[in-house]
Amino acid sequence: MIKAIWNGAILAESDQTIVVEGNHYFPPQSVNWQYFQATDTRSTCPWKGKASYYTVEVGGKRNPDAAWTYPEPKPAAAQITGYVAFWRGVKVSEADASRRTGLRRLFSRS
């Protein structure tokens, strides 16, 4: 099981993540949305498209733009539509990843 943890809270947990460029993307149904607040931050990837960001808040502490998603990715990244990835101090635990069958990888076509 892959877990995303920050400030002692499990932000997401799944055995069906998709790994893209080294980041685990968690299915939307595996995310604990009570910790997330959408922000106005956006970025663009040449092959994935436009990303939207979330600030994570746990126990009164905020981690701005610590999570992102591609709500409407380009066709090459369609598999991660709505999936959520993390950075900025969010620990993504890959324990037992080598034994899981649900791990899928998606690579850049560049």
Protein backbone atom coordinates (compact mmCIF):
# COMPACT_ATOMS: atom_id res chain seq x y z
CA MET A 1 0.00 0.00 0.00
CA ILE A 2 1.33 3.42 -0.93
CA LYS A 3 0.62 6.26 1.52
CA ALA A 4 1.03 10.03 1.33
CA ILE A 5 1.59 11.45 4.84
CA TRP A 6 2.08 14.99 6.09
CA ASN A 7 2.03 16.35 9.64
CA GLY A 8 0.95 12.93 10.94
CA ALA A 9 -2.12 12.59 8.70
CA ILE A 10 -2.66 10.13 5.87
CA LEU A 11 -3.54 12.33 2.90
CA ALA A 12 -4.01 9.45 0.47
CA GLU A 13 -3.62 5.68 0.54
CA SER A 14 -3.87 3.25 -2.36
CA ASP A 15 -2.44 0.16 -4.00
CA GLN A 16 -3.54 1.51 -7.40
CA THR A 17 -1.22 4.51 -7.86
CA ILE A 18 0.18 5.41 -11.26
CA VAL A 19 3.84 6.46 -11.33
CA VAL A 20 4.67 9.27 -13.74
CA GLU A 21 8.16 10.74 -13.86
CA GLY A 22 8.87 9.39 -10.36
CA ASN A 23 5.68 10.72 -8.74
CA HIS A 24 2.90 8.51 -7.40
CA TYR A 25 -0.50 9.71 -8.61
CA PHE A 26 -3.29 8.58 -6.27
CA PRO A 27 -6.80 7.78 -7.49
CA PRO A 28 -9.28 10.49 -6.40
CA GLN A 29 -11.30 8.03 -4.30
CA SER A 30 -8.18 7.26 -2.22
CA VAL A 31 -7.62 10.90 -1.20
CA ASN A 32 -8.76 12.23 2.20
CA TRP A 33 -10.26 15.41 0.76
CA GLN A 34 -10.99 17.00 4.15
CA TYR A 35 -7.32 18.10 4.25
CA PHE A 36 -7.36 19.80 0.82
CA GLN A 37 -8.20 23.32 -0.34
CA ALA A 38 -8.07 24.20 -4.04
CA THR A 39 -5.80 27.13 -4.93
CA ASP A 40 -5.50 29.39 -7.95
CA THR A 41 -2.02 28.02 -8.75
CA ARG A 42 -1.63 26.44 -12.18
CA SER A 43 1.30 25.05 -14.14
CA THR A 44 1.69 23.51 -17.57
CA CYS A 45 3.52 20.39 -18.64
CA PRO A 46 4.21 20.03 -22.38
CA TRP A 47 2.86 16.49 -22.55
CA LYS A 48 0.47 16.24 -19.56
CA GLY A 49 -1.26 19.62 -19.87
CA LYS A 50 -2.44 22.05 -17.17
CA ALA A 51 -2.12 21.14 -13.51
CA SER A 52 -4.22 22.53 -10.67
CA TYR A 53 -2.94 22.68 -7.09
CA TYR A 54 -4.19 22.16 -3.54
CA THR A 55 -3.00 23.49 -0.21
CA VAL A 56 -2.93 20.79 2.46
CA GLU A 57 -3.98 21.71 6.00
CA VAL A 58 -3.53 19.37 8.95
CA GLY A 59 -3.66 20.24 12.64
CA GLY A 60 -3.69 23.98 11.95
CA LYS A 61 -0.56 23.82 9.76
CA ARG A 62 -0.72 24.66 6.05
CA ASN A 63 1.42 23.33 3.22
CA PRO A 64 0.69 25.60 0.23
CA ASP A 65 0.35 23.93 -3.18
CA ALA A 66 1.62 20.60 -1.79
CA ALA A 67 -0.61 18.52 -4.07
CA TRP A 68 -1.53 18.73 -7.73
CA THR A 69 -3.82 17.11 -10.26
CA TYR A 70 -4.52 17.18 -13.97
CA PRO A 71 -8.32 17.61 -14.23
CA GLU A 72 -8.24 17.56 -18.05
CA PRO A 73 -4.85 16.23 -19.17
CA LYS A 74 -3.66 15.90 -22.73
CA PRO A 75 -4.38 12.52 -24.37
CA ALA A 76 -0.90 11.14 -23.56
CA ALA A 77 -1.68 11.45 -19.83
CA ALA A 78 -5.37 10.50 -19.87
CA GLN A 79 -4.73 7.71 -17.33
CA ILE A 80 -4.06 10.26 -14.57
CA THR A 81 -7.21 12.34 -15.04
CA GLY A 82 -8.17 13.57 -11.57
CA TYR A 83 -5.39 11.62 -9.84
CA VAL A 84 -3.41 13.51 -7.15
CA ALA A 85 0.37 13.72 -6.64
CA PHE A 86 2.41 15.34 -3.85
CA TRP A 87 5.60 17.24 -3.08
CA ARG A 88 6.83 19.92 -0.62
CA GLY A 89 7.52 17.64 2.32
CA VAL A 90 4.66 15.19 1.88
CA LYS A 91 6.15 11.76 2.48
CA VAL A 92 5.08 9.14 -0.03
CA SER A 93 5.83 5.72 1.41
CA GLU A 94 6.65 3.05 -1.13
CA ALA A 95 6.92 0.17 1.34
CA ASP A 96 5.97 -3.10 -0.30
CA ALA A 97 5.77 -1.44 -3.74
CA SER A 98 7.84 -4.20 -5.35
CA ARG A 99 5.26 -6.79 -4.27
CA ARG A 100 2.17 -4.96 -5.44
CA THR A 101 0.45 -5.76 -8.72
CA GLY A 102 -1.57 -2.52 -8.81
CA LEU A 103 1.40 -0.25 -9.53
CA ARG A 104 1.24 1.12 -13.05
CA ARG A 105 3.80 3.32 -14.75
CA LEU A 106 3.23 5.99 -17.34
CA PHE A 107 6.20 7.60 -18.99
CA SER A 108 6.73 10.76 -20.99
CA ARG A 109 6.67 10.34 -24.72
CA SER A 110 9.14 13.13 -25.28
